[in-house]
Amino acid sequence: MSSISASELPVHDLSAKLPYEVWEQIFTRCLPDRPFIQPSASSAPLLLCSVGKLWRIMALSMPALWSSISVIISRPGCKPQLSLVSVWLERAAMRPLNVSLTLGGRPGILAHTNGVAAMESLLPFARYWRRAVIRIGPFLSLKAFLRLPKTNLISLLESLDILLPTSYEDAVSDLSEIEPCLPRLSSLCLATDLPESNIPLIVFPFRHLKELTIPSPTFTLDNCLDILQQLPELVSFSYDQMWGVFHHLREGPPLVMSNLRTLSLTTSSLHMHMFFDSLTLPSLSEFRLDGAYSFPTHSIVSLVTRSNCPLSTIILRLPVTEEDLIDCLTAVSASLTTFSIDGMETCVTDRLLTLLTVEDDNAPPLCPKLDNLGIGPLCLSSTDGILGKMADSRWKEPLHTARLKELNISVGKSHEKDIKRLLELYREGLYILSFEHPDILWAQ
């Protein structure tokens, strides 16, 4: 229903005179602030339906209120009851849908049966899925999921987050069967509870992906390069638990991924230098690396140099020496705008802070475009006053140097000069986060 005449509604209710579009704006803003709505009588949209007849008429006439749903499988059963799912989604009236099917705590002995039933309740609307999260792990029936290509010749699905009940190697043929009915899929989050060994090259079915996220150990280093080679349009790649070793060296020149702009890795591998040496990323602008072992400085610098990429963001969470940090920042100095370092090793002393300090307008400091700087609590060891001087020099709109906008820093109580100057800069408008000192908890 696109419009409702005020003459059709109770004339004694002044709200009936509001235009339908105003109602829609108000009701939409009442929805919970999350991508998937868990149906509840105490929150919108069901709560809106209980206010009165007019409100119920309005709420039921707005497909946008019903185009998102979260189904949770727990020991008591499915929440909401599956009989509500079809009623809820029918009210969306062919709008693109956001659907989520997840576990809530221990799912109980009927988890597999409930998982199949929940999937069956969602599949009739699969043609209108835009974003789908299916994370019920071993209780997901791939046989039920494979009904997708049989019931939906054309899909609106753009984003799929799925936890496979088997290893990727076992599921690849099933995923290949699904792929043809997902012509618009651009974002995939693919997880499995069964990590791979050194499996052979597998044809990855979703060749037109823009974003790929791997939140669990699904592929080894060898397999990652194989997969990346099959995704020429990839813009963002994130792997939260990269692991393993290289069992065979890549032959020939590094793999060129022309469109990749974001690379985010969490790794426990000692062979990351070999991974970075195998890539050329001319469009890379954001790089995040979280690891337990030392920073592969030479490989990162080589990657940036041969890629000639406009790297603007570097976020590091791993051990690194100050010398290596300076080498890395020097390699990206011209383009870097955001830098954050956190780890268990002191790597920022007077030397690096002095290189970042604006001493002379005719001689730009290291990373002249830097406007967002973060230094973790265990990384900083400097003389009192040096940090404050650096922040002050980059706050005063220096010539040919970007003005500092945000500083995320830990300052010990003994650094009285630093604390005093940082408090002054905060009052002048510099956004500062502090981990330690109780007088400068600016995040609040």
Protein backbone atom coordinates (compact mmCIF):
# COMPACT_ATOMS: atom_id res chain seq x y z
CA MET A 1 0.00 0.00 0.00
CA SER A 2 1.65 3.22 -1.14
CA SER A 3 -0.79 5.77 0.28
CA ILE A 4 -3.68 6.05 2.68
CA SER A 5 -6.25 8.81 2.55
CA ALA A 6 -6.93 10.60 5.83
CA SER A 7 -10.68 10.33 5.04
CA GLU A 8 -10.42 6.54 5.40
CA LEU A 9 -9.11 6.82 8.96
CA PRO A 10 -10.79 7.90 12.22
CA VAL A 11 -11.39 11.64 11.91
CA HIS A 12 -11.20 12.15 15.66
CA ASP A 13 -7.53 11.12 15.58
CA LEU A 14 -5.54 14.21 14.61
CA SER A 15 -2.60 12.02 13.68
CA ALA A 16 -4.69 10.69 10.81
CA LYS A 17 -4.11 13.98 9.02
CA LEU A 18 -0.37 13.38 8.81
CA PRO A 19 0.91 12.49 5.33
CA TYR A 20 1.74 8.82 4.84
CA GLU A 21 5.36 9.69 4.13
CA VAL A 22 5.68 11.33 7.57
CA TRP A 23 4.26 8.23 9.24
CA GLU A 24 6.76 6.11 7.35
CA GLN A 25 9.70 8.28 8.43
CA ILE A 26 8.61 8.16 12.09
CA PHE A 27 7.97 4.43 12.15
CA THR A 28 11.21 3.60 10.36
CA ARG A 29 13.16 5.56 12.97
CA CYS A 30 11.51 3.46 15.69
CA LEU A 31 13.12 0.25 14.42
CA PRO A 32 15.96 -1.29 16.48
CA ASP A 33 19.37 -0.05 15.41
CA ARG A 34 20.70 -3.35 14.09
CA PRO A 35 20.75 -5.03 10.68
CA PHE A 36 18.44 -7.91 11.66
CA ILE A 37 15.30 -7.46 13.74
CA GLN A 38 14.42 -10.02 16.40
CA PRO A 39 10.59 -9.99 16.56
CA SER A 40 9.42 -8.85 19.99
CA ALA A 41 6.17 -7.42 21.35
CA SER A 42 8.25 -4.86 23.28
CA SER A 43 9.97 -3.31 20.23
CA ALA A 44 9.09 -2.02 16.78
CA PRO A 45 7.44 -2.96 14.53
CA LEU A 46 5.21 -5.23 16.66
CA LEU A 47 5.08 -2.64 19.43
CA LEU A 48 3.74 -0.06 16.97
CA CYS A 49 0.90 -2.40 16.05
CA SER A 50 -0.27 -2.56 19.68
CA VAL A 51 -0.70 1.20 20.17
CA GLY A 52 -4.06 1.45 18.44
CA LYS A 53 -6.06 0.67 15.30
CA LEU A 54 -4.66 3.54 13.28
CA TRP A 55 -1.08 2.71 14.20
CA ARG A 56 -1.63 -0.94 13.32
CA ILE A 57 -3.09 -0.03 9.93
CA MET A 58 -0.12 2.21 9.23
CA ALA A 59 2.51 -0.30 10.40
CA LEU A 60 1.05 -3.15 8.37
CA SER A 61 1.00 -0.95 5.28
CA MET A 62 4.78 -0.27 5.39
CA PRO A 63 6.87 -3.07 3.81
CA ALA A 64 10.10 -1.49 5.01
CA LEU A 65 9.21 -2.30 8.63
CA TRP A 66 9.06 -6.03 7.88
CA SER A 67 12.02 -6.48 5.52
CA SER A 68 14.44 -7.71 8.18
CA ILE A 69 14.26 -10.70 10.53
CA SER A 70 16.51 -12.66 12.88
CA VAL A 71 15.71 -16.31 13.61
CA ILE A 72 17.58 -17.86 16.55
CA ILE A 73 17.81 -21.58 17.30
CA SER A 74 18.19 -22.43 20.99
CA ARG A 75 17.40 -25.30 23.36
CA PRO A 76 13.70 -24.30 23.74
CA GLY A 77 13.32 -24.14 19.95
CA CYS A 78 13.19 -21.40 17.34
CA LYS A 79 12.68 -17.76 18.19
CA PRO A 80 10.40 -16.39 16.88
CA GLN A 81 8.06 -19.30 16.25
CA LEU A 82 8.48 -20.35 12.64
CA SER A 83 4.78 -19.79 11.93
CA LEU A 84 5.46 -16.06 12.37
CA VAL A 85 8.33 -15.98 9.86
CA SER A 86 6.18 -16.32 6.74
CA VAL A 87 3.60 -13.85 8.06
CA TRP A 88 6.35 -11.35 8.86
CA LEU A 89 8.15 -11.60 5.51
CA GLU A 90 4.92 -11.57 3.48
CA ARG A 91 4.32 -8.10 4.91
CA ALA A 92 7.57 -7.00 3.25
CA ALA A 93 5.75 -7.24 -0.08
CA MET A 94 8.72 -8.20 -2.31
CA ARG A 95 11.08 -5.69 -0.68
CA PRO A 96 14.77 -6.73 -0.53
CA LEU A 97 15.21 -8.72 2.69
CA ASN A 98 17.85 -8.99 5.41
CA VAL A 99 17.61 -12.43 7.02
CA SER A 100 19.67 -14.02 9.78
CA LEU A 101 19.67 -17.61 11.05
CA THR A 102 21.95 -18.14 14.05
CA LEU A 103 22.42 -20.18 17.22
CA GLY A 104 21.56 -18.88 20.67
CA GLY A 105 23.56 -20.68 23.34
CA ARG A 106 23.40 -24.48 23.43
CA PRO A 107 20.92 -25.49 20.74
CA GLY A 108 19.88 -28.82 22.25
CA ILE A 109 19.30 -32.26 20.75
CA LEU A 110 16.75 -30.95 18.24
CA ALA A 111 19.16 -28.42 16.74
CA HIS A 112 19.45 -30.20 13.40
CA THR A 113 15.68 -30.66 13.07
CA ASN A 114 15.08 -27.02 14.06
CA GLY A 115 17.79 -25.86 11.66
CA VAL A 116 16.15 -27.63 8.71
CA ALA A 117 12.71 -26.29 9.69
CA ALA A 118 14.04 -22.74 10.08
CA MET A 119 15.76 -22.90 6.70
CA GLU A 120 12.58 -24.21 5.11
CA SER A 121 10.65 -21.25 6.54
CA LEU A 122 13.10 -18.76 4.99
CA LEU A 123 13.68 -20.38 1.59
CA PRO A 124 10.31 -19.40 0.05
CA PHE A 125 11.48 -15.79 0.31
CA ALA A 126 15.06 -16.43 -0.83
CA ARG A 127 14.40 -14.71 -4.16
CA TYR A 128 14.21 -11.43 -2.24
CA TRP A 129 17.16 -11.91 0.09
CA ARG A 130 19.58 -9.00 -0.14
CA ARG A 131 21.72 -9.86 2.89
CA ALA A 132 21.80 -13.30 4.51
CA VAL A 133 23.63 -14.57 7.58
CA ILE A 134 23.43 -18.34 8.07
CA ARG A 135 25.53 -19.36 11.05
CA ILE A 136 24.23 -22.57 12.57
CA GLY A 137 27.38 -24.53 11.74
CA PRO A 138 27.06 -28.32 11.90
CA PHE A 139 23.28 -28.01 12.19
CA LEU A 140 22.97 -26.46 8.74
CA SER A 141 21.59 -28.89 6.21
CA LEU A 142 23.31 -28.20 2.91
CA LYS A 143 20.63 -30.33 1.28
CA ALA A 144 18.01 -27.81 2.46
CA PHE A 145 20.22 -24.87 1.47
CA LEU A 146 20.68 -26.37 -1.99
CA ARG A 147 17.00 -25.84 -2.63
CA LEU A 148 18.00 -22.25 -3.27
CA PRO A 149 18.85 -22.69 -6.99
CA LYS A 150 15.71 -24.79 -7.53
CA THR A 151 13.34 -22.17 -6.15
CA ASN A 152 15.04 -18.95 -7.21
CA LEU A 153 16.21 -18.39 -10.75
CA ILE A 154 17.16 -14.78 -10.05
CA SER A 155 18.36 -13.57 -6.67
CA LEU A 156 18.83 -10.09 -5.21
CA LEU A 157 21.40 -11.45 -2.78
CA GLU A 158 24.40 -9.12 -2.46
CA SER A 159 25.92 -10.28 0.83
CA LEU A 160 26.19 -13.83 2.22
CA ASP A 161 27.70 -14.78 5.59
CA ILE A 162 27.73 -18.57 5.99
CA LEU A 163 29.30 -21.05 8.41
CA LEU A 164 29.73 -24.32 6.56
CA PRO A 165 28.82 -27.60 8.31
CA THR A 166 31.74 -29.30 6.55
CA SER A 167 35.19 -28.33 5.35
CA TYR A 168 35.42 -26.01 2.36
CA GLU A 169 36.91 -28.84 0.29
CA ASP A 170 33.83 -30.99 0.95
CA ALA A 171 31.39 -28.15 0.31
CA VAL A 172 32.93 -26.61 -2.82
CA SER A 173 30.79 -28.61 -5.26
CA ASP A 174 27.64 -27.61 -3.34
CA LEU A 175 28.66 -23.95 -3.38
CA SER A 176 29.34 -24.20 -7.10
CA GLU A 177 25.77 -25.40 -7.57
CA ILE A 178 24.44 -22.36 -5.71
CA GLU A 179 26.65 -19.78 -7.42
CA PRO A 180 24.75 -19.47 -10.74
CA CYS A 181 21.60 -18.26 -8.96
CA LEU A 182 23.48 -15.45 -7.18
CA PRO A 183 24.41 -13.07 -10.00
CA ARG A 184 24.56 -10.02 -7.72
CA LEU A 185 26.61 -11.52 -4.90
CA SER A 186 29.49 -9.15 -4.16
CA SER A 187 30.30 -9.80 -0.48
CA LEU A 188 31.01 -13.22 1.02
CA CYS A 189 31.95 -14.16 4.59
CA LEU A 190 32.93 -17.82 4.53
CA ALA A 191 33.70 -19.78 7.71
CA THR A 192 34.13 -23.43 8.66
CA ASP A 193 34.85 -25.28 11.89
CA LEU A 194 37.02 -27.76 10.00
CA PRO A 195 40.33 -26.16 8.94
CA GLU A 196 41.99 -27.42 5.82
CA SER A 197 45.28 -29.22 5.42
CA ASN A 198 47.39 -28.62 2.35
CA ILE A 199 44.57 -29.16 -0.12
CA PRO A 200 45.11 -28.87 -3.87
CA LEU A 201 43.96 -25.94 -5.98
CA ILE A 202 40.19 -25.63 -5.81
CA VAL A 203 38.09 -23.64 -8.25
CA PHE A 204 36.46 -20.91 -6.21
CA PRO A 205 32.89 -20.51 -7.50
CA PHE A 206 32.24 -16.84 -6.69
CA ARG A 207 34.55 -15.20 -9.21
CA HIS A 208 32.90 -11.77 -9.21
CA LEU A 209 33.25 -11.02 -5.50
CA LYS A 210 34.21 -7.54 -4.35
CA GLU A 211 34.63 -8.44 -0.65
CA LEU A 212 35.84 -11.72 0.87
CA THR A 213 36.05 -12.28 4.63
CA ILE A 214 37.46 -15.45 6.19
CA PRO A 215 36.84 -15.37 9.98
CA SER A 216 38.22 -18.84 10.78
CA PRO A 217 41.12 -21.06 9.61
CA THR A 218 39.69 -22.15 6.27
CA PHE A 219 42.63 -21.93 3.85
CA THR A 220 46.40 -22.28 4.23
CA LEU A 221 48.80 -19.69 2.82
CA ASP A 222 49.15 -21.68 -0.41
CA ASN A 223 45.39 -21.88 -0.79
CA CYS A 224 44.94 -18.15 -0.07
CA LEU A 225 47.06 -17.24 -3.04
CA ASP A 226 45.17 -19.76 -5.17
CA ILE A 227 41.86 -18.22 -4.13
CA LEU A 228 43.02 -14.64 -4.62
CA GLN A 229 44.20 -15.47 -8.12
CA GLN A 230 40.64 -16.51 -8.97
CA LEU A 231 39.09 -13.23 -7.75
CA PRO A 232 40.35 -10.48 -10.07
CA GLU A 233 37.62 -8.01 -9.04
CA LEU A 234 38.29 -8.25 -5.30
CA VAL A 235 38.34 -4.89 -3.49
CA SER A 236 38.57 -6.06 0.14
CA PHE A 237 40.17 -9.19 1.64
CA SER A 238 40.04 -10.00 5.35
CA TYR A 239 41.36 -13.15 7.01
CA ASP A 240 41.04 -13.29 10.80
CA GLN A 241 43.07 -16.43 11.52
CA MET A 242 45.57 -16.96 8.73
CA TRP A 243 47.81 -19.91 9.50
CA GLY A 244 50.19 -22.52 8.14
CA VAL A 245 53.27 -22.52 5.95
CA PHE A 246 54.08 -22.42 2.26
CA HIS A 247 54.57 -25.91 0.85
CA HIS A 248 55.40 -24.66 -2.61
CA LEU A 249 56.89 -21.39 -3.75
CA ARG A 250 55.00 -19.29 -6.24
CA GLU A 251 56.77 -19.26 -9.56
CA GLY A 252 56.95 -16.23 -11.81
CA PRO A 253 56.21 -12.58 -10.97
CA PRO A 254 54.01 -11.55 -8.01
CA LEU A 255 50.26 -11.83 -8.41
CA VAL A 256 48.84 -8.43 -9.43
CA MET A 257 45.48 -7.58 -7.87
CA SER A 258 44.64 -4.26 -9.47
CA ASN A 259 41.43 -3.50 -7.53
CA LEU A 260 42.32 -4.58 -3.98
CA ARG A 261 42.10 -1.56 -1.67
CA THR A 262 41.72 -3.13 1.79
CA LEU A 263 43.88 -5.93 3.20
CA SER A 264 43.22 -7.02 6.80
CA LEU A 265 45.03 -10.04 8.26
CA THR A 266 45.32 -11.72 11.65
CA THR A 267 48.01 -14.36 11.51
CA SER A 268 49.91 -16.92 13.53
CA SER A 269 52.20 -17.83 10.65
CA LEU A 270 55.95 -17.28 10.52
CA HIS A 271 55.79 -17.27 6.71
CA MET A 272 53.94 -14.00 6.12
CA HIS A 273 56.94 -12.50 4.34
CA MET A 274 56.49 -15.12 1.60
CA PHE A 275 52.81 -14.22 1.30
CA PHE A 276 53.53 -10.49 0.88
CA ASP A 277 56.37 -11.20 -1.54
CA SER A 278 53.84 -12.98 -3.78
CA LEU A 279 51.58 -9.95 -4.27
CA THR A 280 51.50 -6.61 -6.05
CA LEU A 281 48.65 -4.30 -4.99
CA PRO A 282 48.66 -1.01 -6.91
CA SER A 283 45.37 0.22 -5.39
CA LEU A 284 46.03 -0.72 -1.75
CA SER A 285 44.91 2.09 0.58
CA GLU A 286 44.19 0.35 3.89
CA PHE A 287 46.43 -2.26 5.51
CA ARG A 288 45.82 -4.01 8.86
CA LEU A 289 48.09 -6.67 10.32
CA ASP A 290 47.63 -8.41 13.66
CA GLY A 291 50.12 -11.12 14.55
CA ALA A 292 52.07 -12.91 17.24
CA TYR A 293 55.40 -12.67 15.49
CA SER A 294 57.69 -9.89 14.36
CA PHE A 295 56.70 -7.47 11.63
CA PRO A 296 58.01 -8.59 8.19
CA THR A 297 59.40 -5.14 7.47
CA HIS A 298 61.40 -5.88 4.34
CA SER A 299 58.49 -7.67 2.64
CA ILE A 300 56.00 -4.93 3.52
CA VAL A 301 58.32 -2.19 2.29
CA SER A 302 58.98 -4.17 -0.90
CA LEU A 303 55.24 -4.69 -1.44
CA VAL A 304 54.51 -0.97 -1.05
CA THR A 305 57.46 0.04 -3.23
CA ARG A 306 56.75 -2.25 -6.19
CA SER A 307 52.99 -1.60 -5.95
CA ASN A 308 53.45 2.17 -5.84
CA CYS A 309 50.13 2.20 -3.97
CA PRO A 310 48.37 5.17 -2.30
CA LEU A 311 48.49 3.61 1.19
CA SER A 312 46.58 5.93 3.53
CA THR A 313 45.89 3.68 6.55
CA ILE A 314 48.19 1.33 8.47
CA ILE A 315 47.02 -0.44 11.63
CA LEU A 316 49.52 -2.79 13.29
CA ARG A 317 48.97 -5.09 16.28
CA LEU A 318 52.22 -7.04 16.60
CA PRO A 319 55.82 -6.76 17.83
CA VAL A 320 57.95 -4.32 15.82
CA THR A 321 61.17 -2.41 16.48
CA GLU A 322 61.38 1.35 16.11
CA GLU A 323 63.92 0.97 13.31
CA ASP A 324 61.53 -1.23 11.34
CA LEU A 325 58.64 1.11 12.07
CA ILE A 326 60.57 4.09 10.73
CA ASP A 327 61.50 2.15 7.59
CA CYS A 328 57.84 1.28 7.03
CA LEU A 329 56.56 4.82 7.63
CA THR A 330 59.24 6.26 5.39
CA ALA A 331 58.08 4.01 2.55
CA VAL A 332 54.50 5.32 2.80
CA SER A 333 55.25 8.80 4.13
CA ALA A 334 53.77 10.71 1.19
CA SER A 335 50.26 9.19 1.37
CA LEU A 336 49.70 8.03 4.98
CA THR A 337 46.82 9.72 6.85
CA THR A 338 46.03 7.16 9.61
CA PHE A 339 48.54 5.16 11.61
CA SER A 340 48.05 3.01 14.72
CA ILE A 341 50.52 0.74 16.49
CA ASP A 342 49.83 -1.56 19.43
CA GLY A 343 51.85 -4.48 20.69
CA MET A 344 54.01 -5.85 23.47
CA GLU A 345 57.21 -4.09 22.47
CA THR A 346 58.48 -0.52 22.87
CA CYS A 347 58.77 0.95 19.40
CA VAL A 348 58.05 4.68 19.78
CA THR A 349 60.75 6.75 21.47
CA ASP A 350 62.07 10.30 21.16
CA ARG A 351 63.54 9.46 17.75
CA LEU A 352 60.27 8.62 15.99
CA LEU A 353 58.33 11.38 17.76
CA THR A 354 60.98 13.89 16.65
CA LEU A 355 60.70 12.69 13.04
CA LEU A 356 56.92 13.27 13.27
CA THR A 357 57.37 16.75 14.75
CA VAL A 358 57.04 19.80 12.51
CA GLU A 359 60.30 21.66 13.09
CA ASP A 360 60.43 23.83 9.98
CA ASP A 361 57.67 24.69 7.51
CA ASN A 362 60.21 24.35 4.71
CA ALA A 363 61.06 20.80 5.73
CA PRO A 364 57.96 18.59 6.08
CA PRO A 365 58.09 15.97 8.83
CA LEU A 366 57.69 12.24 8.36
CA CYS A 367 54.17 11.47 7.09
CA PRO A 368 53.06 15.07 6.41
CA LYS A 369 49.44 14.05 5.66
CA LEU A 370 49.01 12.17 8.96
CA ASP A 371 45.89 13.36 10.82
CA ASN A 372 45.03 10.29 12.93
CA LEU A 373 47.68 8.74 15.20
CA GLY A 374 47.37 5.89 17.72
CA ILE A 375 50.11 4.51 19.99
CA GLY A 376 49.34 1.58 22.29
CA PRO A 377 50.05 1.58 26.05
CA LEU A 378 53.16 -0.63 25.86
CA CYS A 379 54.66 0.93 22.73
CA LEU A 380 55.58 4.41 24.00
CA SER A 381 58.80 5.27 25.86
CA SER A 382 59.73 8.92 25.45
CA THR A 383 61.10 11.86 27.41
CA ASP A 384 58.45 13.99 29.07
CA GLY A 385 57.49 16.85 26.76
CA ILE A 386 58.48 15.26 23.43
CA LEU A 387 55.02 13.82 22.77
CA GLY A 388 53.30 17.10 23.66
CA LYS A 389 55.64 19.01 21.39
CA MET A 390 54.90 16.69 18.47
CA ALA A 391 51.12 16.95 18.95
CA ASP A 392 51.32 20.72 19.36
CA SER A 393 53.40 21.14 16.19
CA ARG A 394 50.90 19.19 14.10
CA TRP A 395 47.85 20.90 15.60
CA LYS A 396 48.77 24.47 14.68
CA GLU A 397 47.90 24.11 10.99
CA PRO A 398 51.53 23.85 9.85
CA LEU A 399 52.38 24.76 6.29
CA HIS A 400 52.47 21.76 3.90
CA THR A 401 51.43 19.42 6.75
CA ALA A 402 47.97 18.11 7.58
CA ARG A 403 46.47 19.21 10.87
CA LEU A 404 46.21 16.47 13.49
CA LYS A 405 42.55 15.53 14.06
CA GLU A 406 42.69 12.53 16.42
CA LEU A 407 45.28 11.22 18.86
CA ASN A 408 44.86 7.86 20.61
CA ILE A 409 47.62 7.66 23.20
CA SER A 410 48.65 6.35 26.62
CA VAL A 411 50.41 8.84 28.87
CA GLY A 412 51.93 7.88 32.21
CA LYS A 413 51.30 10.10 35.24
CA SER A 414 54.99 11.01 35.39
CA HIS A 415 54.69 12.81 32.03
CA GLU A 416 53.40 16.05 33.52
CA LYS A 417 54.50 18.26 30.61
CA ASP A 418 52.89 15.96 28.05
CA ILE A 419 49.66 15.72 30.03
CA LYS A 420 49.45 19.48 30.51
CA ARG A 421 49.92 20.21 26.81
CA LEU A 422 47.57 17.44 25.69
CA LEU A 423 44.85 18.76 27.99
CA GLU A 424 45.28 22.20 26.45
CA LEU A 425 45.05 20.75 22.94
CA TYR A 426 41.95 18.81 23.92
CA ARG A 427 40.27 21.99 25.14
CA GLU A 428 41.24 23.65 21.86
CA GLY A 429 39.44 20.91 19.91
CA LEU A 430 41.89 18.07 19.27
CA TYR A 431 40.05 14.76 19.75
CA ILE A 432 42.15 12.70 22.15
CA LEU A 433 41.66 9.22 23.60
CA SER A 434 43.71 8.16 26.60
CA PHE A 435 44.17 4.72 28.13
CA GLU A 436 45.74 5.52 31.49
CA HIS A 437 45.50 8.99 32.94
CA PRO A 438 42.16 9.51 34.81
CA ASP A 439 42.10 13.25 34.09
CA ILE A 440 42.04 12.80 30.31
CA LEU A 441 39.48 10.10 29.56
CA TRP A 442 38.38 12.06 26.53
CA ALA A 443 36.52 9.16 24.98
CA GLN A 444 33.74 9.86 27.47
